[in-house]
Amino acid sequence: MSEVGDYWLSDEGLAIRASEFARFLTVRTFNNALQMFGREAGVKGFLYRTMLDNRVCDFCSPYEARHYRAGQFMKFLPQHFLCRCGYDILVEEYTWGIF
């Protein structure tokens, strides 16, 4: 096995993987709850946000500033491991343009 493969099977590598997986599940659960209960809380919509830096991946960058109405199908976040994207909550009426 390679050095990389050996590292990810080491105690340190497994701890990092477990920590990232826990973060992934926590963020995904929060965003799912936000979508489920947002309408009841008066949320009008959501705005997809990346970190707008040179580390944003090609998978996430096309969604920057995309608007979603409450109840509309939205991308699940995080979209991948180490994803730093999130949703801004829109609580006031918004003039919905072309997405």
Protein backbone atom coordinates (compact mmCIF):
# COMPACT_ATOMS: atom_id res chain seq x y z
CA MET A 1 0.00 0.00 0.00
CA SER A 2 1.21 3.54 -0.67
CA GLU A 3 2.25 6.07 1.97
CA VAL A 4 -1.00 7.96 1.36
CA GLY A 5 -3.09 4.84 1.83
CA ASP A 6 -1.13 3.95 4.96
CA TYR A 7 -1.72 7.45 6.39
CA TRP A 8 -5.50 7.29 5.98
CA LEU A 9 -5.53 3.96 7.80
CA SER A 10 -3.39 5.29 10.67
CA ASP A 11 -4.94 6.50 13.92
CA GLU A 12 -4.44 10.14 12.88
CA GLY A 13 -5.88 9.59 9.41
CA LEU A 14 -8.92 7.75 10.76
CA ALA A 15 -9.51 10.52 13.33
CA ILE A 16 -9.46 13.17 10.58
CA ARG A 17 -11.84 11.14 8.41
CA ALA A 18 -14.22 10.54 11.32
CA SER A 19 -14.16 14.24 12.24
CA GLU A 20 -14.89 15.32 8.65
CA PHE A 21 -17.72 12.79 8.36
CA ALA A 22 -19.27 14.07 11.61
CA ARG A 23 -19.03 17.65 10.32
CA PHE A 24 -20.56 16.61 7.00
CA LEU A 25 -23.54 14.96 8.72
CA THR A 26 -24.05 17.88 11.13
CA VAL A 27 -24.10 20.49 8.36
CA ARG A 28 -26.34 18.34 6.17
CA THR A 29 -28.81 17.80 9.04
CA PHE A 30 -28.89 21.53 9.82
CA ASN A 31 -29.53 22.48 6.19
CA ASN A 32 -32.25 19.85 5.81
CA ALA A 33 -33.99 21.17 8.94
CA LEU A 34 -33.64 24.73 7.62
CA GLN A 35 -35.41 23.74 4.43
CA MET A 36 -38.12 21.75 6.23
CA PHE A 37 -39.03 24.38 8.80
CA GLY A 38 -38.05 27.57 7.02
CA ARG A 39 -41.47 28.27 5.56
CA GLU A 40 -43.15 27.88 8.96
CA ALA A 41 -40.67 30.39 10.41
CA GLY A 42 -41.42 33.02 7.77
CA VAL A 43 -38.43 32.37 5.53
CA LYS A 44 -39.18 33.54 1.98
CA GLY A 45 -36.16 31.96 0.33
CA PHE A 46 -32.50 31.08 0.43
CA LEU A 47 -29.39 32.39 -1.26
CA TYR A 48 -26.59 29.92 -2.04
CA ARG A 49 -23.22 31.22 -0.88
CA THR A 50 -19.66 30.08 -1.47
CA MET A 51 -16.64 31.56 0.30
CA LEU A 52 -15.74 33.56 -2.85
CA ASP A 53 -12.06 32.72 -2.59
CA ASN A 54 -9.56 30.80 -4.69
CA ARG A 55 -10.37 27.54 -2.87
CA VAL A 56 -13.99 27.33 -4.09
CA CYS A 57 -14.26 24.20 -6.21
CA ASP A 58 -15.59 23.95 -9.76
CA PHE A 59 -18.51 21.90 -8.45
CA CYS A 60 -19.81 24.65 -6.13
CA SER A 61 -18.85 27.88 -7.92
CA PRO A 62 -21.72 27.81 -10.48
CA TYR A 63 -24.25 27.99 -7.64
CA GLU A 64 -22.90 31.20 -6.05
CA ALA A 65 -25.75 33.70 -5.45
CA ARG A 66 -28.42 31.33 -6.78
CA HIS A 67 -31.81 32.07 -5.22
CA TYR A 68 -34.27 29.44 -4.08
CA ARG A 69 -37.82 30.04 -2.89
CA ALA A 70 -38.85 28.41 0.38
CA GLY A 71 -40.20 24.97 -0.49
CA GLN A 72 -38.34 24.81 -3.82
CA PHE A 73 -35.90 21.96 -4.38
CA MET A 74 -32.44 23.09 -3.29
CA LYS A 75 -28.98 21.60 -3.46
CA PHE A 76 -28.12 19.57 -0.39
CA LEU A 77 -25.28 21.07 1.59
CA PRO A 78 -22.56 20.23 2.01
CA GLN A 79 -22.31 19.01 -1.55
CA HIS A 80 -19.05 17.17 -0.85
CA PHE A 81 -16.52 16.64 1.92
CA LEU A 82 -14.74 19.85 2.96
CA CYS A 83 -17.49 21.92 1.32
CA ARG A 84 -17.63 25.39 2.89
CA CYS A 85 -20.81 26.61 1.19
CA GLY A 86 -23.96 27.66 2.97
CA TYR A 87 -27.32 29.36 2.57
CA ASP A 88 -28.22 32.92 3.51
CA ILE A 89 -31.82 33.20 4.68
CA LEU A 90 -34.14 35.64 2.89
CA VAL A 91 -36.92 36.81 5.20
CA GLU A 92 -38.24 39.70 3.14
CA GLU A 93 -39.94 39.61 -0.23
CA TYR A 94 -37.48 39.33 -3.06
CA THR A 95 -37.95 40.18 -6.73
CA TRP A 96 -37.30 36.77 -8.19
CA GLY A 97 -35.30 36.87 -11.38
CA ILE A 98 -34.17 34.14 -13.68
CA PHE A 99 -32.16 31.62 -11.72
